[in-house]
Amino acid sequence: METKKTFTLDSDNICNAFQKTIDWIQETQLSITSKKGKAYIKLPFIIALVIAILVPFALIIGIIFALAFGINITFERYRKKETSVQNKEIKSY
């Protein structure tokens, strides 16, 4: 039995993809900690990404330090709590 999956590319799908990507970037932080748990740096992901693009040498040095000194580099994602609004039917009399 074959299953067929189709994907329609339209403006809603493209906008949703960009929105999900932007939300992911805003909700993610870069955290640099020691193995004992001492936090050295906490940056929003977008700032860490800009630093990595503008100064790629700093990214390489950071990776070398992480390997040499046992530093943990983690990406932490903090989701914002969404408030759900229930649609109520308005009756007119």
PDB file of N, CA and C in Angstrom:
ATOM      1  N   MET A   1       0.839  -1.169   0.000  1.00  0.00           N
ATOM      2  CA  MET A   1       0.000   0.000   0.000  1.00  0.00           C
ATOM      3  C   MET A   1       0.891   1.241   0.000  1.00  0.00           C
ATOM      4  N   GLU A   2       0.653   2.097  -0.937  1.00  0.00           N
ATOM      5  CA  GLU A   2       1.426   3.326  -1.046  1.00  0.00           C
ATOM      6  C   GLU A   2       0.691   4.475  -0.382  1.00  0.00           C
ATOM      7  N   THR A   3       1.453   5.330   0.208  1.00  0.00           N
ATOM      8  CA  THR A   3       0.883   6.555   0.748  1.00  0.00           C
ATOM      9  C   THR A   3       1.479   7.729  -0.003  1.00  0.00           C
ATOM     10  N   LYS A   4       0.647   8.647  -0.271  1.00  0.00           N
ATOM     11  CA  LYS A   4       1.082   9.816  -1.007  1.00  0.00           C
ATOM     12  C   LYS A   4       0.967  11.031  -0.095  1.00  0.00           C
ATOM     13  N   LYS A   5       2.063  11.757   0.025  1.00  0.00           N
ATOM     14  CA  LYS A   5       2.069  12.982   0.813  1.00  0.00           C
ATOM     15  C   LYS A   5       2.282  14.145  -0.138  1.00  0.00           C
ATOM     16  N   THR A   6       1.461  15.118   0.006  1.00  0.00           N
ATOM     17  CA  THR A   6       1.609  16.311  -0.819  1.00  0.00           C
ATOM     18  C   THR A   6       1.848  17.512   0.087  1.00  0.00           C
ATOM     19  N   PHE A   7       2.590  18.446  -0.415  1.00  0.00           N
ATOM     20  CA  PHE A   7       2.876  19.669   0.307  1.00  0.00           C
ATOM     21  C   PHE A   7       2.628  20.828  -0.630  1.00  0.00           C
ATOM     22  N   THR A   8       1.783  21.706  -0.207  1.00  0.00           N
ATOM     23  CA  THR A   8       1.465  22.877  -1.007  1.00  0.00           C
ATOM     24  C   THR A   8       2.268  24.058  -0.496  1.00  0.00           C
ATOM     25  N   LEU A   9       2.995  24.678  -1.372  1.00  0.00           N
ATOM     26  CA  LEU A   9       3.795  25.834  -1.008  1.00  0.00           C
ATOM     27  C   LEU A   9       3.003  27.086  -1.334  1.00  0.00           C
ATOM     28  N   ASP A  10       2.583  27.746  -0.283  1.00  0.00           N
ATOM     29  CA  ASP A  10       1.859  28.998  -0.471  1.00  0.00           C
ATOM     30  C   ASP A  10       2.339  30.007   0.558  1.00  0.00           C
ATOM     31  N   SER A  11       1.774  31.180   0.533  1.00  0.00           N
ATOM     32  CA  SER A  11       2.256  32.255   1.402  1.00  0.00           C
ATOM     33  C   SER A  11       2.061  31.928   2.879  1.00  0.00           C
ATOM     34  N   ASP A  12       1.000  31.219   3.243  1.00  0.00           N
ATOM     35  CA  ASP A  12       0.780  30.866   4.643  1.00  0.00           C
ATOM     36  C   ASP A  12       1.864  29.927   5.157  1.00  0.00           C
ATOM     37  N   ASN A  13       2.228  28.926   4.364  1.00  0.00           N
ATOM     38  CA  ASN A  13       3.281  27.989   4.774  1.00  0.00           C
ATOM     39  C   ASN A  13       4.625  28.684   4.919  1.00  0.00           C
ATOM     40  N   ILE A  14       4.934  29.578   3.994  1.00  0.00           N
ATOM     41  CA  ILE A  14       6.204  30.298   4.049  1.00  0.00           C
ATOM     42  C   ILE A  14       6.237  31.214   5.264  1.00  0.00           C
ATOM     43  N   CYS A  15       5.168  31.943   5.519  1.00  0.00           N
ATOM     44  CA  CYS A  15       5.113  32.838   6.683  1.00  0.00           C
ATOM     45  C   CYS A  15       5.210  32.053   7.980  1.00  0.00           C
ATOM     46  N   ASN A  16       4.538  30.914   8.057  1.00  0.00           N
ATOM     47  CA  ASN A  16       4.599  30.087   9.267  1.00  0.00           C
ATOM     48  C   ASN A  16       6.005  29.549   9.504  1.00  0.00           C
ATOM     49  N   ALA A  17       6.693  29.161   8.445  1.00  0.00           N
ATOM     50  CA  ALA A  17       8.057  28.659   8.590  1.00  0.00           C
ATOM     51  C   ALA A  17       8.989  29.752   9.108  1.00  0.00           C
ATOM     52  N   PHE A  18       8.885  30.952   8.549  1.00  0.00           N
ATOM     53  CA  PHE A  18       9.707  32.057   9.023  1.00  0.00           C
ATOM     54  C   PHE A  18       9.367  32.419  10.468  1.00  0.00           C
ATOM     55  N   GLN A  19       8.087  32.410  10.808  1.00  0.00           N
ATOM     56  CA  GLN A  19       7.672  32.747  12.163  1.00  0.00           C
ATOM     57  C   GLN A  19       8.193  31.726  13.176  1.00  0.00           C
ATOM     58  N   LYS A  20       8.138  30.444  12.834  1.00  0.00           N
ATOM     59  CA  LYS A  20       8.649  29.406  13.729  1.00  0.00           C
ATOM     60  C   LYS A  20      10.158  29.533  13.905  1.00  0.00           C
ATOM     61  N   THR A  21      10.866  29.868  12.834  1.00  0.00           N
ATOM     62  CA  THR A  21      12.312  30.052  12.922  1.00  0.00           C
ATOM     63  C   THR A  21      12.654  31.243  13.801  1.00  0.00           C
ATOM     64  N   ILE A  22      11.964  32.340  13.633  1.00  0.00           N
ATOM     65  CA  ILE A  22      12.205  33.529  14.444  1.00  0.00           C
ATOM     66  C   ILE A  22      11.876  33.257  15.902  1.00  0.00           C
ATOM     67  N   ASP A  23      10.778  32.559  16.163  1.00  0.00           N
ATOM     68  CA  ASP A  23      10.425  32.206  17.538  1.00  0.00           C
ATOM     69  C   ASP A  23      11.491  31.323  18.172  1.00  0.00           C
ATOM     70  N   TRP A  24      12.011  30.356  17.409  1.00  0.00           N
ATOM     71  CA  TRP A  24      13.051  29.473  17.933  1.00  0.00           C
ATOM     72  C   TRP A  24      14.301  30.269  18.287  1.00  0.00           C
ATOM     73  N   ILE A  25      14.683  31.194  17.443  1.00  0.00           N
ATOM     74  CA  ILE A  25      15.870  32.009  17.695  1.00  0.00           C
ATOM     75  C   ILE A  25      15.675  32.879  18.933  1.00  0.00           C
ATOM     76  N   GLN A  26      14.472  33.448  19.101  1.00  0.00           N
ATOM     77  CA  GLN A  26      14.217  34.307  20.250  1.00  0.00           C
ATOM     78  C   GLN A  26      14.136  33.524  21.556  1.00  0.00           C
ATOM     79  N   GLU A  27      13.742  32.271  21.504  1.00  0.00           N
ATOM     80  CA  GLU A  27      13.565  31.471  22.715  1.00  0.00           C
ATOM     81  C   GLU A  27      14.835  30.736  23.139  1.00  0.00           C
ATOM     82  N   THR A  28      15.883  30.780  22.337  1.00  0.00           N
ATOM     83  CA  THR A  28      17.090  30.011  22.607  1.00  0.00           C
ATOM     84  C   THR A  28      18.191  30.902  23.158  1.00  0.00           C
ATOM     85  N   GLN A  29      18.910  30.373  24.161  1.00  0.00           N
ATOM     86  CA  GLN A  29      20.053  31.067  24.737  1.00  0.00           C
ATOM     87  C   GLN A  29      21.282  30.167  24.665  1.00  0.00           C
ATOM     88  N   LEU A  30      22.437  30.785  24.544  1.00  0.00           N
ATOM     89  CA  LEU A  30      23.705  30.081  24.586  1.00  0.00           C
ATOM     90  C   LEU A  30      24.259  30.238  25.988  1.00  0.00           C
ATOM     91  N   SER A  31      24.616  29.116  26.592  1.00  0.00           N
ATOM     92  CA  SER A  31      25.121  29.132  27.960  1.00  0.00           C
ATOM     93  C   SER A  31      26.473  28.438  27.990  1.00  0.00           C
ATOM     94  N   ILE A  32      27.464  29.106  28.587  1.00  0.00           N
ATOM     95  CA  ILE A  32      28.796  28.534  28.731  1.00  0.00           C
ATOM     96  C   ILE A  32      29.035  28.351  30.223  1.00  0.00           C
ATOM     97  N   THR A  33      29.206  27.088  30.633  1.00  0.00           N
ATOM     98  CA  THR A  33      29.364  26.758  32.056  1.00  0.00           C
ATOM     99  C   THR A  33      30.548  25.821  32.249  1.00  0.00           C
ATOM    100  N   SER A  34      31.011  25.767  33.494  1.00  0.00           N
ATOM    101  CA  SER A  34      32.056  24.807  33.837  1.00  0.00           C
ATOM    102  C   SER A  34      31.395  23.473  34.152  1.00  0.00           C
ATOM    103  N   LYS A  35      32.212  22.443  34.283  1.00  0.00           N
ATOM    104  CA  LYS A  35      31.652  21.128  34.621  1.00  0.00           C
ATOM    105  C   LYS A  35      31.057  21.114  36.017  1.00  0.00           C
ATOM    106  N   LYS A  36      31.498  22.028  36.876  1.00  0.00           N
ATOM    107  CA  LYS A  36      30.956  22.113  38.235  1.00  0.00           C
ATOM    108  C   LYS A  36      29.656  22.889  38.282  1.00  0.00           C
ATOM    109  N   GLY A  37      29.268  23.520  37.197  1.00  0.00           N
ATOM    110  CA  GLY A  37      27.999  24.228  37.130  1.00  0.00           C
ATOM    111  C   GLY A  37      28.101  25.738  37.219  1.00  0.00           C
ATOM    112  N   LYS A  38      29.309  26.272  37.319  1.00  0.00           N
ATOM    113  CA  LYS A  38      29.480  27.720  37.379  1.00  0.00           C
ATOM    114  C   LYS A  38      29.231  28.319  35.998  1.00  0.00           C
ATOM    115  N   ALA A  39      28.306  29.267  35.935  1.00  0.00           N
ATOM    116  CA  ALA A  39      27.952  29.884  34.658  1.00  0.00           C
ATOM    117  C   ALA A  39      28.916  31.024  34.350  1.00  0.00           C
ATOM    118  N   TYR A  40      29.521  30.971  33.178  1.00  0.00           N
ATOM    119  CA  TYR A  40      30.416  32.027  32.745  1.00  0.00           C
ATOM    120  C   TYR A  40      29.691  33.063  31.896  1.00  0.00           C
ATOM    121  N   ILE A  41      28.976  32.595  30.899  1.00  0.00           N
ATOM    122  CA  ILE A  41      28.299  33.510  29.972  1.00  0.00           C
ATOM    123  C   ILE A  41      26.934  32.940  29.618  1.00  0.00           C
ATOM    124  N   LYS A  42      25.944  33.819  29.575  1.00  0.00           N
ATOM    125  CA  LYS A  42      24.623  33.478  29.041  1.00  0.00           C
ATOM    126  C   LYS A  42      24.258  34.570  28.045  1.00  0.00           C
ATOM    127  N   LEU A  43      24.074  34.167  26.812  1.00  0.00           N
ATOM    128  CA  LEU A  43      23.754  35.119  25.751  1.00  0.00           C
ATOM    129  C   LEU A  43      22.516  34.658  24.995  1.00  0.00           C
ATOM    130  N   PRO A  44      21.721  35.591  24.525  1.00  0.00           N
ATOM    131  CA  PRO A  44      20.673  35.192  23.583  1.00  0.00           C
ATOM    132  C   PRO A  44      21.329  34.619  22.323  1.00  0.00           C
ATOM    133  N   PHE A  45      20.680  33.656  21.717  1.00  0.00           N
ATOM    134  CA  PHE A  45      21.252  32.962  20.564  1.00  0.00           C
ATOM    135  C   PHE A  45      21.562  33.917  19.424  1.00  0.00           C
ATOM    136  N   ILE A  46      20.730  34.916  19.209  1.00  0.00           N
ATOM    137  CA  ILE A  46      20.933  35.833  18.084  1.00  0.00           C
ATOM    138  C   ILE A  46      22.241  36.611  18.254  1.00  0.00           C
ATOM    139  N   ILE A  47      22.560  36.992  19.489  1.00  0.00           N
ATOM    140  CA  ILE A  47      23.818  37.714  19.730  1.00  0.00           C
ATOM    141  C   ILE A  47      25.008  36.783  19.517  1.00  0.00           C
ATOM    142  N   ALA A  48      24.908  35.550  19.999  1.00  0.00           N
ATOM    143  CA  ALA A  48      25.981  34.579  19.796  1.00  0.00           C
ATOM    144  C   ALA A  48      26.181  34.294  18.306  1.00  0.00           C
ATOM    145  N   LEU A  49      25.101  34.234  17.556  1.00  0.00           N
ATOM    146  CA  LEU A  49      25.183  34.000  16.116  1.00  0.00           C
ATOM    147  C   LEU A  49      25.855  35.169  15.405  1.00  0.00           C
ATOM    148  N   VAL A  50      25.513  36.383  15.786  1.00  0.00           N
ATOM    149  CA  VAL A  50      26.129  37.569  15.179  1.00  0.00           C
ATOM    150  C   VAL A  50      27.625  37.605  15.492  1.00  0.00           C
ATOM    151  N   ILE A  51      27.995  37.291  16.738  1.00  0.00           N
ATOM    152  CA  ILE A  51      29.417  37.260  17.103  1.00  0.00           C
ATOM    153  C   ILE A  51      30.154  36.194  16.290  1.00  0.00           C
ATOM    154  N   ALA A  52      29.540  35.026  16.133  1.00  0.00           N
ATOM    155  CA  ALA A  52      30.178  33.944  15.371  1.00  0.00           C
ATOM    156  C   ALA A  52      30.350  34.317  13.902  1.00  0.00           C
ATOM    157  N   ILE A  53      29.416  35.078  13.362  1.00  0.00           N
ATOM    158  CA  ILE A  53      29.521  35.476  11.953  1.00  0.00           C
ATOM    159  C   ILE A  53      30.543  36.596  11.777  1.00  0.00           C
ATOM    160  N   LEU A  54      30.516  37.584  12.672  1.00  0.00           N
ATOM    161  CA  LEU A  54      31.413  38.724  12.533  1.00  0.00           C
ATOM    162  C   LEU A  54      32.851  38.396  12.944  1.00  0.00           C
ATOM    163  N   VAL A  55      33.005  37.521  13.944  1.00  0.00           N
ATOM    164  CA  VAL A  55      34.343  37.185  14.439  1.00  0.00           C
ATOM    165  C   VAL A  55      34.481  35.665  14.487  1.00  0.00           C
ATOM    166  N   PRO A  56      34.650  35.015  13.342  1.00  0.00           N
ATOM    167  CA  PRO A  56      34.735  33.549  13.342  1.00  0.00           C
ATOM    168  C   PRO A  56      35.947  33.022  14.113  1.00  0.00           C
ATOM    169  N   PHE A  57      36.987  33.853  14.246  1.00  0.00           N
ATOM    170  CA  PHE A  57      38.163  33.455  15.016  1.00  0.00           C
ATOM    171  C   PHE A  57      37.787  33.225  16.485  1.00  0.00           C
ATOM    172  N   ALA A  58      36.876  34.045  17.020  1.00  0.00           N
ATOM    173  CA  ALA A  58      36.428  33.885  18.408  1.00  0.00           C
ATOM    174  C   ALA A  58      35.686  32.566  18.588  1.00  0.00           C
ATOM    175  N   LEU A  59      34.948  32.148  17.578  1.00  0.00           N
ATOM    176  CA  LEU A  59      34.241  30.869  17.631  1.00  0.00           C
ATOM    177  C   LEU A  59      35.231  29.713  17.710  1.00  0.00           C
ATOM    178  N   ILE A  60      36.275  29.769  16.924  1.00  0.00           N
ATOM    179  CA  ILE A  60      37.285  28.712  16.924  1.00  0.00           C
ATOM    180  C   ILE A  60      38.017  28.673  18.264  1.00  0.00           C
ATOM    181  N   ILE A  61      38.392  29.838  18.792  1.00  0.00           N
ATOM    182  CA  ILE A  61      39.060  29.913  20.100  1.00  0.00           C
ATOM    183  C   ILE A  61      38.135  29.372  21.191  1.00  0.00           C
ATOM    184  N   GLY A  62      36.859  29.693  21.124  1.00  0.00           N
ATOM    185  CA  GLY A  62      35.899  29.201  22.106  1.00  0.00           C
ATOM    186  C   GLY A  62      35.780  27.685  22.091  1.00  0.00           C
ATOM    187  N   ILE A  63      35.781  27.106  20.922  1.00  0.00           N
ATOM    188  CA  ILE A  63      35.703  25.639  20.809  1.00  0.00           C
ATOM    189  C   ILE A  63      36.977  24.995  21.357  1.00  0.00           C
ATOM    190  N   ILE A  64      38.131  25.596  21.079  1.00  0.00           N
ATOM    191  CA  ILE A  64      39.391  25.063  21.602  1.00  0.00           C
ATOM    192  C   ILE A  64      39.410  25.129  23.126  1.00  0.00           C
ATOM    193  N   PHE A  65      38.972  26.263  23.696  1.00  0.00           N
ATOM    194  CA  PHE A  65      38.900  26.375  25.159  1.00  0.00           C
ATOM    195  C   PHE A  65      37.932  25.355  25.752  1.00  0.00           C
ATOM    196  N   ALA A  66      36.813  25.137  25.082  1.00  0.00           N
ATOM    197  CA  ALA A  66      35.836  24.175  25.587  1.00  0.00           C
ATOM    198  C   ALA A  66      36.421  22.767  25.618  1.00  0.00           C
ATOM    199  N   LEU A  67      37.161  22.410  24.604  1.00  0.00           N
ATOM    200  CA  LEU A  67      37.781  21.081  24.568  1.00  0.00           C
ATOM    201  C   LEU A  67      38.943  20.963  25.553  1.00  0.00           C
ATOM    202  N   ALA A  68      39.731  22.015  25.679  1.00  0.00           N
ATOM    203  CA  ALA A  68      40.915  21.956  26.522  1.00  0.00           C
ATOM    204  C   ALA A  68      40.598  22.020  28.017  1.00  0.00           C
ATOM    205  N   PHE A  69      39.638  22.837  28.398  1.00  0.00           N
ATOM    206  CA  PHE A  69      39.390  23.073  29.816  1.00  0.00           C
ATOM    207  C   PHE A  69      38.087  22.457  30.326  1.00  0.00           C
ATOM    208  N   GLY A  70      37.428  21.672  29.534  1.00  0.00           N
ATOM    209  CA  GLY A  70      36.211  21.001  29.982  1.00  0.00           C
ATOM    210  C   GLY A  70      35.050  21.947  30.223  1.00  0.00           C
ATOM    211  N   ILE A  71      34.869  22.893  29.337  1.00  0.00           N
ATOM    212  CA  ILE A  71      33.771  23.855  29.449  1.00  0.00           C
ATOM    213  C   ILE A  71      32.592  23.317  28.650  1.00  0.00           C
ATOM    214  N   ASN A  72      31.404  23.461  29.200  1.00  0.00           N
ATOM    215  CA  ASN A  72      30.187  23.021  28.514  1.00  0.00           C
ATOM    216  C   ASN A  72      29.543  24.194  27.789  1.00  0.00           C
ATOM    217  N   ILE A  73      29.235  23.971  26.533  1.00  0.00           N
ATOM    218  CA  ILE A  73      28.495  24.952  25.740  1.00  0.00           C
ATOM    219  C   ILE A  73      27.139  24.339  25.444  1.00  0.00           C
ATOM    220  N   THR A  74      26.092  24.970  25.935  1.00  0.00           N
ATOM    221  CA  THR A  74      24.748  24.418  25.757  1.00  0.00           C
ATOM    222  C   THR A  74      23.823  25.466  25.155  1.00  0.00           C
ATOM    223  N   PHE A  75      22.846  24.963  24.457  1.00  0.00           N
ATOM    224  CA  PHE A  75      21.783  25.795  23.925  1.00  0.00           C
ATOM    225  C   PHE A  75      20.531  25.492  24.729  1.00  0.00           C
ATOM    226  N   GLU A  76      20.039  26.491  25.428  1.00  0.00           N
ATOM    227  CA  GLU A  76      18.865  26.330  26.269  1.00  0.00           C
ATOM    228  C   GLU A  76      17.692  27.040  25.624  1.00  0.00           C
ATOM    229  N   ARG A  77      16.578  26.365  25.610  1.00  0.00           N
ATOM    230  CA  ARG A  77      15.389  26.943  24.984  1.00  0.00           C
ATOM    231  C   ARG A  77      14.342  27.188  26.046  1.00  0.00           C
ATOM    232  N   TYR A  78      13.913  28.427  26.144  1.00  0.00           N
ATOM    233  CA  TYR A  78      12.880  28.816  27.087  1.00  0.00           C
ATOM    234  C   TYR A  78      11.627  29.176  26.304  1.00  0.00           C
ATOM    235  N   ARG A  79      10.628  28.347  26.434  1.00  0.00           N
ATOM    236  CA  ARG A  79       9.383  28.617  25.727  1.00  0.00           C
ATOM    237  C   ARG A  79       8.535  29.590  26.517  1.00  0.00           C
ATOM    238  N   LYS A  80       7.988  30.521  25.797  1.00  0.00           N
ATOM    239  CA  LYS A  80       7.082  31.467  26.426  1.00  0.00           C
ATOM    240  C   LYS A  80       5.738  30.781  26.612  1.00  0.00           C
ATOM    241  N   LYS A  81       5.132  31.033  27.733  1.00  0.00           N
ATOM    242  CA  LYS A  81       3.824  30.438  27.974  1.00  0.00           C
ATOM    243  C   LYS A  81       2.798  31.118  27.080  1.00  0.00           C
ATOM    244  N   GLU A  82       2.075  30.289  26.376  1.00  0.00           N
ATOM    245  CA  GLU A  82       1.056  30.821  25.485  1.00  0.00           C
ATOM    246  C   GLU A  82      -0.265  30.861  26.222  1.00  0.00           C
ATOM    247  N   THR A  83      -0.935  31.960  26.082  1.00  0.00           N
ATOM    248  CA  THR A  83      -2.257  32.054  26.676  1.00  0.00           C
ATOM    249  C   THR A  83      -3.265  31.718  25.600  1.00  0.00           C
ATOM    250  N   SER A  84      -4.072  30.757  25.898  1.00  0.00           N
ATOM    251  CA  SER A  84      -5.048  30.341  24.898  1.00  0.00           C
ATOM    252  C   SER A  84      -6.329  31.123  25.091  1.00  0.00           C
ATOM    253  N   VAL A  85      -6.839  31.588  24.005  1.00  0.00           N
ATOM    254  CA  VAL A  85      -8.093  32.314  24.013  1.00  0.00           C
ATOM    255  C   VAL A  85      -9.135  31.418  23.393  1.00  0.00           C
ATOM    256  N   GLN A  86     -10.156  31.142  24.150  1.00  0.00           N
ATOM    257  CA  GLN A  86     -11.193  30.284  23.626  1.00  0.00           C
ATOM    258  C   GLN A  86     -12.197  31.139  22.866  1.00  0.00           C
ATOM    259  N   ASN A  87     -12.511  30.664  21.691  1.00  0.00           N
ATOM    260  CA  ASN A  87     -13.505  31.358  20.879  1.00  0.00           C
ATOM    261  C   ASN A  87     -14.886  31.033  21.409  1.00  0.00           C
ATOM    262  N   LYS A  88     -15.605  32.066  21.756  1.00  0.00           N
ATOM    263  CA  LYS A  88     -16.957  31.874  22.246  1.00  0.00           C
ATOM    264  C   LYS A  88     -17.910  32.411  21.208  1.00  0.00           C
ATOM    265  N   GLU A  89     -18.959  31.686  21.033  1.00  0.00           N
ATOM    266  CA  GLU A  89     -19.961  32.071  20.052  1.00  0.00           C
ATOM    267  C   GLU A  89     -20.807  33.199  20.645  1.00  0.00           C
ATOM    268  N   ILE A  90     -20.912  34.255  19.913  1.00  0.00           N
ATOM    269  CA  ILE A  90     -21.707  35.395  20.364  1.00  0.00           C
ATOM    270  C   ILE A  90     -23.083  35.266  19.728  1.00  0.00           C
ATOM    271  N   LYS A  91     -24.054  35.251  20.589  1.00  0.00           N
ATOM    272  CA  LYS A  91     -25.417  35.119  20.093  1.00  0.00           C
ATOM    273  C   LYS A  91     -26.083  36.493  20.116  1.00  0.00           C
ATOM    274  N   SER A  92     -26.716  36.798  19.042  1.00  0.00           N
ATOM    275  CA  SER A  92     -27.450  38.052  18.999  1.00  0.00           C
ATOM    276  C   SER A  92     -28.942  37.744  19.092  1.00  0.00           C
ATOM    277  N   TYR A  93     -29.601  38.474  19.921  1.00  0.00           N
ATOM    278  CA  TYR A  93     -31.044  38.269  20.124  1.00  0.00           C
ATOM    279  C   TYR A  93     -31.845  39.367  19.501  1.00  0.00           C
TER     280      TYR A  93
END
